[in-house]
Amino acid sequence: MMVLETTTLVDRVPLPSVRRARDKHRQTDWLALFQGTSLVLIEAAGFAASTLLLVLGLPLFVFLAVAGWDLTALFAQLGNLADHYRTAEPIARRFFAQDLQIAFLIAAGGLALLRLPAFLRRLDRHLSEGSPRHG
């Protein structure tokens, strides 16, 4: 005779133990939770702001390098670009604006992905420094 044995999701739930029951009634350290949340939000805001500033500053750096670090040449080129933009067809302006938006999003996303591992390591280090029970 063959026995049919089935395991359901309910069978996988561990039975409550005395220790688990004690852990449920343990008080939540609201101060540590608030401090950890604040740290994560401040670090994330700094990461986002510095990433955006890097992406916005990169074109200025490139244009200054192309102009030979001469502000007169830089503003002459920007004036030339502005004249071409002003005289362009409306559809060409729209495509140019869309291209700039897409390039900005790709640059910001790519830089954020490159910087993300270091950010997460730094965040983990800060969180583990603040809590003696962690680690």
Protein backbone atom coordinates (compact mmCIF):
# COMPACT_ATOMS: atom_id res chain seq x y z
CA MET A 1 0.00 0.00 0.00
CA MET A 2 1.28 3.50 -0.92
CA VAL A 3 1.02 6.43 1.51
CA LEU A 4 0.27 9.89 0.13
CA GLU A 5 2.13 12.54 2.09
CA THR A 6 1.45 16.21 1.39
CA THR A 7 3.00 19.30 2.88
CA THR A 8 1.03 22.50 2.68
CA LEU A 9 2.01 26.05 3.51
CA VAL A 10 0.18 25.71 6.83
CA ASP A 11 2.34 22.71 7.70
CA ARG A 12 5.47 24.81 7.21
CA VAL A 13 4.48 27.47 9.74
CA PRO A 14 6.50 26.92 12.92
CA LEU A 15 4.55 26.26 16.08
CA PRO A 16 4.73 28.99 18.70
CA SER A 17 7.35 28.43 21.34
CA VAL A 18 7.91 30.07 24.71
CA ARG A 19 10.77 32.18 23.34
CA ARG A 20 8.76 33.33 20.34
CA ALA A 21 5.86 34.27 22.60
CA ARG A 22 8.26 36.29 24.81
CA ASP A 23 9.70 38.07 21.73
CA LYS A 24 6.22 39.15 20.66
CA HIS A 25 5.62 40.89 23.97
CA ARG A 26 9.01 42.66 23.97
CA GLN A 27 8.76 46.42 23.83
CA THR A 28 9.66 48.17 20.58
CA ASP A 29 12.55 50.60 20.90
CA TRP A 30 10.82 53.55 19.24
CA LEU A 31 13.77 55.89 19.71
CA ALA A 32 16.16 53.53 17.91
CA LEU A 33 13.58 52.99 15.16
CA PHE A 34 13.13 56.75 14.72
CA GLN A 35 16.89 57.36 14.73
CA GLY A 36 17.52 54.60 12.20
CA THR A 37 14.75 55.83 9.92
CA SER A 38 16.03 59.40 10.14
CA LEU A 39 19.56 58.27 9.32
CA VAL A 40 18.37 56.33 6.28
CA LEU A 41 16.28 59.27 5.02
CA ILE A 42 19.10 61.79 5.51
CA GLU A 43 21.66 59.54 3.82
CA ALA A 44 19.26 58.78 0.92
CA ALA A 45 18.52 62.49 0.44
CA GLY A 46 22.25 63.26 0.40
CA PHE A 47 22.85 60.46 -2.09
CA ALA A 48 20.07 61.69 -4.38
CA ALA A 49 21.15 65.34 -4.15
CA SER A 50 24.82 64.62 -4.80
CA THR A 51 23.94 62.34 -7.73
CA LEU A 52 21.75 65.04 -9.30
CA LEU A 53 24.40 67.71 -8.77
CA LEU A 54 27.03 65.50 -10.38
CA VAL A 55 24.79 64.84 -13.40
CA LEU A 56 23.94 68.52 -13.77
CA GLY A 57 27.56 69.62 -13.37
CA LEU A 58 28.96 67.13 -15.86
CA PRO A 59 27.73 69.01 -19.00
CA LEU A 60 29.17 72.26 -17.66
CA PHE A 61 32.52 70.54 -17.09
CA VAL A 62 32.48 69.06 -20.61
CA PHE A 63 31.50 72.36 -22.25
CA LEU A 64 34.19 74.23 -20.32
CA ALA A 65 36.78 71.63 -21.32
CA VAL A 66 35.72 71.87 -25.00
CA ALA A 67 35.89 75.67 -24.83
CA GLY A 68 39.44 75.48 -23.47
CA TRP A 69 38.37 76.76 -20.02
CA ASP A 70 37.55 80.13 -21.60
CA LEU A 71 34.23 81.53 -20.40
CA THR A 72 33.96 83.87 -23.40
CA ALA A 73 34.11 80.92 -25.78
CA LEU A 74 31.67 78.97 -23.62
CA PHE A 75 29.07 81.73 -23.66
CA ALA A 76 29.59 82.27 -27.40
CA GLN A 77 28.81 78.58 -27.99
CA LEU A 78 25.79 78.74 -25.66
CA GLY A 79 24.56 81.82 -27.53
CA ASN A 80 24.98 79.97 -30.82
CA LEU A 81 23.02 77.02 -29.43
CA ALA A 82 20.28 79.36 -28.16
CA ASP A 83 20.01 81.03 -31.60
CA HIS A 84 19.67 77.65 -33.32
CA TYR A 85 17.10 76.54 -30.78
CA ARG A 86 15.06 79.75 -31.21
CA THR A 87 14.98 79.48 -35.02
CA ALA A 88 14.29 75.73 -35.13
CA GLU A 89 10.93 74.24 -36.06
CA PRO A 90 8.63 73.46 -33.11
CA ILE A 91 8.85 69.71 -33.72
CA ALA A 92 12.66 69.90 -33.75
CA ARG A 93 12.58 71.81 -30.46
CA ARG A 94 10.35 69.18 -28.93
CA PHE A 95 12.62 66.33 -30.07
CA PHE A 96 15.68 68.19 -28.75
CA ALA A 97 13.99 68.71 -25.37
CA GLN A 98 12.98 65.03 -25.27
CA ASP A 99 16.51 63.94 -26.12
CA LEU A 100 17.88 66.11 -23.31
CA GLN A 101 15.37 64.66 -20.84
CA ILE A 102 16.18 61.09 -21.86
CA ALA A 103 19.92 61.76 -21.67
CA PHE A 104 19.49 63.28 -18.20
CA LEU A 105 17.47 60.30 -16.96
CA ILE A 106 19.97 57.81 -18.38
CA ALA A 107 22.92 59.70 -16.91
CA ALA A 108 21.25 60.07 -13.49
CA GLY A 109 20.16 56.42 -13.42
CA GLY A 110 23.54 55.14 -14.58
CA LEU A 111 25.46 57.24 -12.07
CA ALA A 112 23.08 56.21 -9.29
CA LEU A 113 23.60 52.54 -10.16
CA LEU A 114 27.37 53.02 -10.14
CA ARG A 115 27.30 54.77 -6.77
CA LEU A 116 24.68 52.53 -5.14
CA PRO A 117 26.97 49.74 -3.81
CA ALA A 118 29.23 52.23 -2.01
CA PHE A 119 26.17 54.04 -0.64
CA LEU A 120 24.71 50.80 0.71
CA ARG A 121 28.03 49.80 2.33
CA ARG A 122 28.30 53.24 3.96
CA LEU A 123 24.70 53.07 5.16
CA ASP A 124 25.23 49.60 6.61
CA ARG A 125 28.40 50.78 8.38
CA HIS A 126 26.56 53.80 9.88
CA LEU A 127 23.64 51.68 11.02
CA SER A 128 25.88 49.05 12.61
CA GLU A 129 27.94 51.74 14.40
CA GLY A 130 24.84 53.24 15.96
CA SER A 131 23.37 50.04 17.39
CA PRO A 132 25.44 47.92 19.80
CA ARG A 133 23.00 45.01 19.35
CA HIS A 134 23.59 44.87 15.58
CA GLY A 135 26.23 42.55 14.18
